[in-house]
Amino acid sequence: MAALGNHAESLLLEEKKLAVTERLQKRQEARQEELQRKRNEAEDGISRQENVGAFLDTLAQKRQFIEDGVAQSSNIEKSKLVDHFDSLSDTLHKVQRYVAECTAFLPSYEVRQAQETIANLQSKIQDKRDEILPKKKFAFSKAKKAEKKAEITPKAKPVVADETDSIVELASCKFVNQTGQTLTMDAAQINQKDVALVDLTNCTVRLFGAPSAIHVFNLKNCRVFSGPVSGSIFIRSCDRCTFVLPCQQLRIHNTVQTDFYIHVTSKAIIEDCSAVRFAPYNWNYDGLDKHYALSGLDRERNNWANVDDFNWLAADAASPNWSVIDESRRTLNWND
């Protein structure tokens, strides 16, 4: 009996030793796992920092390259200016895609800074393009009046015709001379391209994509919808139209009785306009988020009600030429 008792005690002691050993081993394994986790976190942190650093270096290099290109524009031959600015825009669009791809590991602050950098570069490219491209390119400068009527000959082209021809010639994608049509272009056609809409009447235009710029001339009773435009939209000589579009800058000239539902990251500028009204952009379609990312527009910044009227200089009174569309009167559903 004594022997059996001693054997039982011995087995119990062995079991306790095994239990203690297992607990110690588990604690050791847990400590090792915790140490490895901390090492991994440290390595991940270093990796993220290295990735952010590489991103900032690349962005700085691309920014300098584009700024240098803009600065050199005045020395480029006129015949090569369009290609020069297209090349700068292509480079900037690649930067926009690069930023979009890196947002997964970038802090939100760096994303905002990158978006501001892109917007500033867009503005610099467009402003320099407007400044030095041949004068016949679509712009807002007033046509010079002929000093003597006798100098006008039947062969002379009207200024409006010259402007229209230039818009059509310079644009990669266009709708021209259409009446009563529904006109559509998709992303494959217009992404990062200049679009022209000229001499349209009673038409509905839908641009599903992210153009680099839109030029609009002489539209009557039309509706125009667009995805985000990375640069500027120029609108001239339109009557009783509705425009629903986002862009970096909007310039409107000689337009009347027209509504604008806009997202603009800088401001809207009007000149020689009357009875134009504004509201926030509210068109939606499949792929809009992707096109916003491609355009580089900051969705959080919308100055839709910040309108400069170049014909109204009184600082103490609002311009009578434009107004905000009352919320109760805004169109909410654009489906036909």
Protein backbone atom coordinates (compact mmCIF):
# COMPACT_ATOMS: atom_id res chain seq x y z
CA MET A 1 0.00 0.00 0.00
CA ALA A 2 2.82 2.36 0.94
CA ALA A 3 4.47 1.67 -2.40
CA LEU A 4 1.26 2.46 -4.26
CA GLY A 5 0.87 5.71 -2.33
CA ASN A 6 4.42 6.78 -3.11
CA HIS A 7 3.89 5.97 -6.79
CA ALA A 8 0.72 8.06 -6.92
CA GLU A 9 2.47 10.99 -5.26
CA SER A 10 5.32 10.68 -7.73
CA LEU A 11 2.90 10.76 -10.68
CA LEU A 12 1.12 13.79 -9.26
CA LEU A 13 4.44 15.57 -8.79
CA GLU A 14 5.43 14.81 -12.38
CA GLU A 15 2.12 16.15 -13.64
CA LYS A 16 2.61 19.37 -11.66
CA LYS A 17 6.12 19.73 -13.07
CA LEU A 18 4.81 19.24 -16.60
CA ALA A 19 2.04 21.78 -16.02
CA VAL A 20 4.54 24.32 -14.68
CA THR A 21 6.86 23.66 -17.62
CA GLU A 22 4.01 24.10 -20.10
CA ARG A 23 2.97 27.37 -18.46
CA LEU A 24 6.54 28.66 -18.54
CA GLN A 25 6.88 27.60 -22.16
CA LYS A 26 3.64 29.34 -23.12
CA ARG A 27 4.74 32.50 -21.33
CA GLN A 28 8.05 32.37 -23.14
CA GLU A 29 6.30 31.86 -26.47
CA ALA A 30 3.93 34.74 -25.72
CA ARG A 31 6.87 36.99 -24.85
CA GLN A 32 8.64 35.98 -28.07
CA GLU A 33 5.49 36.67 -30.09
CA GLU A 34 5.10 40.08 -28.44
CA LEU A 35 8.73 40.93 -29.12
CA GLN A 36 8.33 39.84 -32.75
CA ARG A 37 5.14 41.87 -33.08
CA LYS A 38 6.91 44.97 -31.79
CA ARG A 39 9.83 44.35 -34.13
CA ASN A 40 7.40 43.98 -37.05
CA GLU A 41 5.61 47.19 -36.08
CA ALA A 42 8.91 49.01 -35.86
CA GLU A 43 9.94 47.68 -39.26
CA ASP A 44 6.54 48.59 -40.73
CA GLY A 45 6.87 52.09 -39.29
CA ILE A 46 10.30 52.48 -40.82
CA SER A 47 8.97 51.12 -44.12
CA ARG A 48 6.07 53.57 -44.09
CA GLN A 49 8.41 56.44 -43.29
CA GLU A 50 10.70 55.37 -46.11
CA ASN A 51 7.72 55.14 -48.49
CA VAL A 52 6.46 58.59 -47.50
CA GLY A 53 9.96 60.00 -47.88
CA ALA A 54 10.32 58.46 -51.33
CA PHE A 55 6.90 59.82 -52.31
CA LEU A 56 7.77 63.36 -51.19
CA ASP A 57 11.09 63.21 -53.06
CA THR A 58 9.37 62.05 -56.25
CA LEU A 59 6.64 64.68 -55.95
CA ALA A 60 9.22 67.43 -55.41
CA GLN A 61 11.18 66.30 -58.48
CA LYS A 62 8.06 66.24 -60.67
CA ARG A 63 6.92 69.62 -59.36
CA GLN A 64 10.30 71.15 -60.20
CA PHE A 65 10.25 69.56 -63.65
CA ILE A 66 6.80 71.01 -64.43
CA GLU A 67 7.63 74.45 -63.00
CA ASP A 68 10.81 74.54 -65.08
CA GLY A 69 8.78 73.58 -68.14
CA VAL A 70 6.30 76.38 -67.49
CA ALA A 71 9.14 78.88 -67.01
CA GLN A 72 10.72 77.83 -70.32
CA SER A 73 7.45 78.17 -72.25
CA SER A 74 8.20 81.71 -73.42
CA ASN A 75 11.28 80.42 -75.25
CA ILE A 76 9.41 77.69 -77.17
CA GLU A 77 8.59 78.19 -80.86
CA LYS A 78 4.93 79.01 -81.37
CA SER A 79 4.47 76.02 -83.66
CA LYS A 80 5.55 73.74 -80.81
CA LEU A 81 3.64 75.38 -77.96
CA VAL A 82 0.57 73.13 -78.10
CA ASP A 83 2.73 69.99 -77.93
CA HIS A 84 4.79 71.58 -75.15
CA PHE A 85 1.77 72.29 -72.96
CA ASP A 86 0.22 68.91 -73.77
CA SER A 87 3.45 67.28 -72.59
CA LEU A 88 3.36 69.24 -69.33
CA SER A 89 -0.28 68.26 -68.82
CA ASP A 90 0.54 64.60 -69.49
CA THR A 91 3.31 64.74 -66.89
CA LEU A 92 0.95 66.30 -64.38
CA HIS A 93 -1.68 63.63 -65.03
CA LYS A 94 0.94 60.96 -64.33
CA VAL A 95 1.69 62.73 -61.04
CA GLN A 96 -2.04 62.70 -60.24
CA ARG A 97 -2.20 58.95 -60.82
CA TYR A 98 0.93 58.46 -58.71
CA VAL A 99 -0.65 60.37 -55.82
CA ALA A 100 -3.84 58.32 -56.13
CA GLU A 101 -1.82 55.08 -55.99
CA CYS A 102 0.07 56.21 -52.88
CA THR A 103 -2.90 57.35 -50.80
CA ALA A 104 -3.06 53.92 -49.11
CA PHE A 105 0.07 54.61 -47.05
CA LEU A 106 0.17 58.42 -47.01
CA PRO A 107 -1.00 60.41 -43.97
CA SER A 108 -4.07 62.52 -44.71
CA TYR A 109 -2.01 65.71 -44.30
CA GLU A 110 0.40 64.63 -47.05
CA VAL A 111 -2.53 63.73 -49.33
CA ARG A 112 -4.01 67.22 -48.88
CA GLN A 113 -0.63 68.84 -49.51
CA ALA A 114 -0.15 66.77 -52.66
CA GLN A 115 -3.60 67.75 -53.94
CA GLU A 116 -2.81 71.43 -53.35
CA THR A 117 0.48 71.02 -55.20
CA ILE A 118 -1.33 69.47 -58.17
CA ALA A 119 -3.96 72.23 -58.19
CA ASN A 120 -1.24 74.91 -58.14
CA LEU A 121 0.62 73.24 -60.99
CA GLN A 122 -2.60 72.95 -63.00
CA SER A 123 -3.20 76.65 -62.53
CA LYS A 124 0.36 77.56 -63.56
CA ILE A 125 0.18 75.46 -66.73
CA GLN A 126 -3.22 76.83 -67.73
CA ASP A 127 -2.35 80.46 -66.94
CA LYS A 128 0.87 80.30 -68.95
CA ARG A 129 -0.96 78.54 -71.79
CA ASP A 130 -3.58 81.28 -71.87
CA GLU A 131 -0.87 83.92 -71.78
CA ILE A 132 1.37 82.88 -74.66
CA LEU A 133 -0.54 80.64 -77.06
CA PRO A 134 -1.46 82.34 -80.36
CA LYS A 135 -4.10 85.00 -79.93
CA LYS A 136 -6.60 83.18 -82.11
CA LYS A 137 -6.91 80.53 -79.39
CA PHE A 138 -10.17 80.81 -77.51
CA ALA A 139 -9.85 83.47 -74.85
CA PHE A 140 -11.80 86.24 -73.15
CA SER A 141 -10.05 89.23 -74.66
CA LYS A 142 -12.45 91.55 -76.44
CA ALA A 143 -12.18 91.72 -80.18
CA LYS A 144 -10.65 94.94 -81.46
CA LYS A 145 -13.08 97.15 -83.27
CA ALA A 146 -12.23 98.00 -86.85
CA GLU A 147 -11.00 101.58 -87.05
CA LYS A 148 -12.53 102.15 -90.47
CA LYS A 149 -15.48 100.37 -91.97
CA ALA A 150 -13.94 100.78 -95.40
CA GLU A 151 -11.17 98.39 -94.39
CA ILE A 152 -13.59 95.48 -94.02
CA THR A 153 -13.68 93.35 -97.14
CA PRO A 154 -15.98 90.43 -98.02
CA LYS A 155 -13.01 88.06 -97.81
CA ALA A 156 -12.20 88.98 -94.22
CA LYS A 157 -13.17 86.36 -91.66
CA PRO A 158 -15.25 87.59 -88.71
CA VAL A 159 -13.52 87.43 -85.36
CA VAL A 160 -16.18 85.01 -84.07
CA ALA A 161 -15.46 82.63 -86.93
CA ASP A 162 -11.74 82.77 -86.16
CA GLU A 163 -12.40 81.96 -82.52
CA THR A 164 -14.73 79.09 -83.39
CA ASP A 165 -12.24 77.63 -85.85
CA SER A 166 -9.48 77.84 -83.25
CA ILE A 167 -11.51 76.09 -80.58
CA VAL A 168 -12.35 73.22 -82.91
CA GLU A 169 -8.81 72.99 -84.26
CA LEU A 170 -7.10 72.80 -80.87
CA ALA A 171 -9.51 70.40 -79.16
CA SER A 172 -8.90 66.65 -79.21
CA CYS A 173 -12.62 65.83 -78.83
CA LYS A 174 -15.53 67.91 -80.06
CA PHE A 175 -19.23 68.28 -80.85
CA VAL A 176 -19.93 70.95 -83.49
CA ASN A 177 -23.01 72.22 -85.35
CA GLN A 178 -25.66 69.95 -83.81
CA THR A 179 -29.35 70.59 -83.16
CA GLY A 180 -31.77 68.58 -81.04
CA GLN A 181 -29.30 65.80 -80.27
CA THR A 182 -28.24 63.80 -77.20
CA LEU A 183 -24.44 63.75 -77.37
CA THR A 184 -22.20 61.52 -75.23
CA MET A 185 -18.48 60.89 -74.84
CA ASP A 186 -16.95 58.39 -72.42
CA ALA A 187 -13.74 58.24 -70.40
CA ALA A 188 -11.80 56.39 -73.09
CA GLN A 189 -12.44 59.30 -75.43
CA ILE A 190 -11.98 62.33 -73.18
CA ASN A 191 -9.76 61.48 -70.20
CA GLN A 192 -6.91 64.03 -70.08
CA LYS A 193 -8.07 65.56 -73.37
CA ASP A 194 -9.33 69.01 -74.38
CA VAL A 195 -13.03 69.02 -75.33
CA ALA A 196 -14.83 71.58 -77.51
CA LEU A 197 -18.60 72.18 -77.69
CA VAL A 198 -19.42 74.66 -80.45
CA ASP A 199 -22.63 75.86 -82.14
CA LEU A 200 -25.10 73.53 -80.40
CA THR A 201 -28.84 74.16 -80.11
CA ASN A 202 -31.40 72.23 -78.04
CA CYS A 203 -28.84 69.53 -77.22
CA THR A 204 -28.01 67.47 -74.14
CA VAL A 205 -24.30 66.73 -73.72
CA ARG A 206 -22.90 64.18 -71.26
CA LEU A 207 -19.16 63.82 -70.76
CA PHE A 208 -18.40 60.73 -68.67
CA GLY A 209 -14.74 61.20 -67.82
CA ALA A 210 -12.01 63.57 -66.66
CA PRO A 211 -11.10 66.04 -69.44
CA SER A 212 -8.12 68.37 -69.08
CA ALA A 213 -10.14 71.39 -70.29
CA ILE A 214 -13.50 72.23 -71.90
CA HIS A 215 -14.12 75.05 -74.39
CA VAL A 216 -17.75 76.04 -74.98
CA PHE A 217 -18.92 78.51 -77.63
CA ASN A 218 -22.34 79.58 -78.86
CA LEU A 219 -24.75 77.15 -77.20
CA LYS A 220 -28.49 77.80 -77.17
CA ASN A 221 -30.95 76.05 -74.86
CA CYS A 222 -28.55 73.19 -74.09
CA ARG A 223 -27.76 71.07 -71.04
CA VAL A 224 -24.13 70.08 -70.47
CA PHE A 225 -22.97 67.54 -67.88
CA SER A 226 -19.34 66.67 -67.25
CA GLY A 227 -17.12 64.70 -64.95
CA PRO A 228 -14.26 66.49 -63.14
CA VAL A 229 -12.02 68.71 -65.30
CA SER A 230 -8.43 68.97 -64.10
CA GLY A 231 -7.90 72.43 -65.60
CA SER A 232 -10.19 75.24 -66.71
CA ILE A 233 -13.57 75.45 -68.41
CA PHE A 234 -14.14 78.36 -70.81
CA ILE A 235 -17.73 79.26 -71.68
CA ARG A 236 -18.65 82.01 -74.13
CA SER A 237 -21.77 83.30 -75.87
CA CYS A 238 -24.33 80.92 -74.38
CA ASP A 239 -28.04 81.57 -73.88
CA ARG A 240 -30.66 79.72 -71.77
CA CYS A 241 -28.39 76.79 -70.97
CA THR A 242 -27.64 74.64 -67.93
CA PHE A 243 -24.11 73.52 -67.09
CA VAL A 244 -23.38 70.86 -64.45
CA LEU A 245 -19.63 70.42 -64.08
CA PRO A 246 -16.60 70.42 -61.75
CA CYS A 247 -13.27 72.08 -62.56
CA GLN A 248 -10.26 73.90 -61.22
CA GLN A 249 -11.33 77.26 -62.67
CA LEU A 250 -14.43 78.45 -64.55
CA ARG A 251 -14.48 81.45 -66.90
CA ILE A 252 -17.75 82.66 -68.41
CA HIS A 253 -18.12 85.43 -70.98
CA ASN A 254 -21.07 87.02 -72.77
CA THR A 255 -23.59 84.52 -71.41
CA VAL A 256 -27.19 85.15 -70.33
CA GLN A 257 -30.08 83.37 -68.57
CA THR A 258 -27.95 80.33 -67.77
CA ASP A 259 -27.66 78.13 -64.67
CA PHE A 260 -24.40 76.64 -63.38
CA TYR A 261 -24.23 73.71 -60.97
CA ILE A 262 -20.52 73.67 -60.27
CA HIS A 263 -17.67 72.38 -58.18
CA VAL A 264 -14.78 74.81 -58.60
CA THR A 265 -11.62 74.65 -56.48
CA SER A 266 -10.48 78.20 -57.26
CA LYS A 267 -13.28 80.50 -58.42
CA ALA A 268 -15.74 81.32 -61.17
CA ILE A 269 -15.16 84.45 -63.26
CA ILE A 270 -17.89 86.15 -65.29
CA GLU A 271 -17.67 89.02 -67.76
CA ASP A 272 -20.38 90.64 -69.88
CA CYS A 273 -22.96 88.27 -68.37
CA SER A 274 -26.44 88.72 -66.96
CA ALA A 275 -29.04 86.53 -65.24
CA VAL A 276 -26.56 83.75 -64.55
CA ARG A 277 -27.21 81.63 -61.46
CA PHE A 278 -25.09 79.23 -59.41
CA ALA A 279 -25.55 76.14 -57.22
CA PRO A 280 -23.32 73.23 -56.07
CA TYR A 281 -22.45 70.43 -58.49
CA ASN A 282 -24.81 67.48 -58.02
CA TRP A 283 -24.50 65.14 -61.01
CA ASN A 284 -23.58 61.53 -60.27
CA TYR A 285 -22.66 58.54 -62.43
CA ASP A 286 -20.74 55.27 -62.20
CA GLY A 287 -17.02 56.02 -62.19
CA LEU A 288 -17.26 59.57 -60.83
CA ASP A 289 -15.02 58.81 -57.83
CA LYS A 290 -12.36 57.33 -60.10
CA HIS A 291 -12.49 60.37 -62.36
CA TYR A 292 -12.15 62.73 -59.39
CA ALA A 293 -9.00 60.86 -58.37
CA LEU A 294 -7.66 61.11 -61.91
CA SER A 295 -8.40 64.84 -62.13
CA GLY A 296 -6.71 65.64 -58.82
CA LEU A 297 -9.53 67.99 -57.79
CA ASP A 298 -10.03 68.35 -54.04
CA ARG A 299 -13.62 67.26 -53.37
CA GLU A 300 -13.58 68.97 -49.98
CA ARG A 301 -12.96 72.42 -51.48
CA ASN A 302 -15.82 73.88 -53.50
CA ASN A 303 -16.05 77.64 -54.07
CA TRP A 304 -19.22 77.41 -56.15
CA ALA A 305 -20.58 80.67 -54.68
CA ASN A 306 -17.28 82.58 -55.02
CA VAL A 307 -17.95 84.45 -58.27
CA ASP A 308 -15.94 87.39 -59.60
CA ASP A 309 -17.83 89.74 -61.92
CA PHE A 310 -15.33 91.74 -63.97
CA ASN A 311 -18.08 94.19 -64.92
CA TRP A 312 -19.00 95.02 -61.34
CA LEU A 313 -16.46 97.10 -59.43
CA ALA A 314 -18.58 98.28 -56.50
CA ALA A 315 -17.14 96.73 -53.34
CA ASP A 316 -20.07 97.68 -51.13
CA ALA A 317 -22.83 96.06 -53.21
CA ALA A 318 -23.41 92.64 -54.75
CA SER A 319 -23.32 92.27 -58.51
CA PRO A 320 -26.80 92.23 -60.07
CA ASN A 321 -25.54 90.00 -62.89
CA TRP A 322 -25.40 86.73 -60.96
CA SER A 323 -27.21 85.06 -58.07
CA VAL A 324 -27.43 81.84 -56.08
CA ILE A 325 -30.22 79.43 -57.02
CA ASP A 326 -32.54 79.03 -54.06
CA GLU A 327 -32.38 75.51 -52.59
CA SER A 328 -36.08 74.98 -53.17
CA ARG A 329 -35.62 75.72 -56.88
CA ARG A 330 -32.55 73.59 -57.56
CA THR A 331 -32.82 70.54 -59.80
CA LEU A 332 -31.95 67.43 -57.81
CA ASN A 333 -32.53 64.67 -60.37
CA TRP A 334 -30.99 65.06 -63.81
CA ASN A 335 -32.46 61.90 -65.32
CA ASP A 336 -34.52 62.55 -68.41
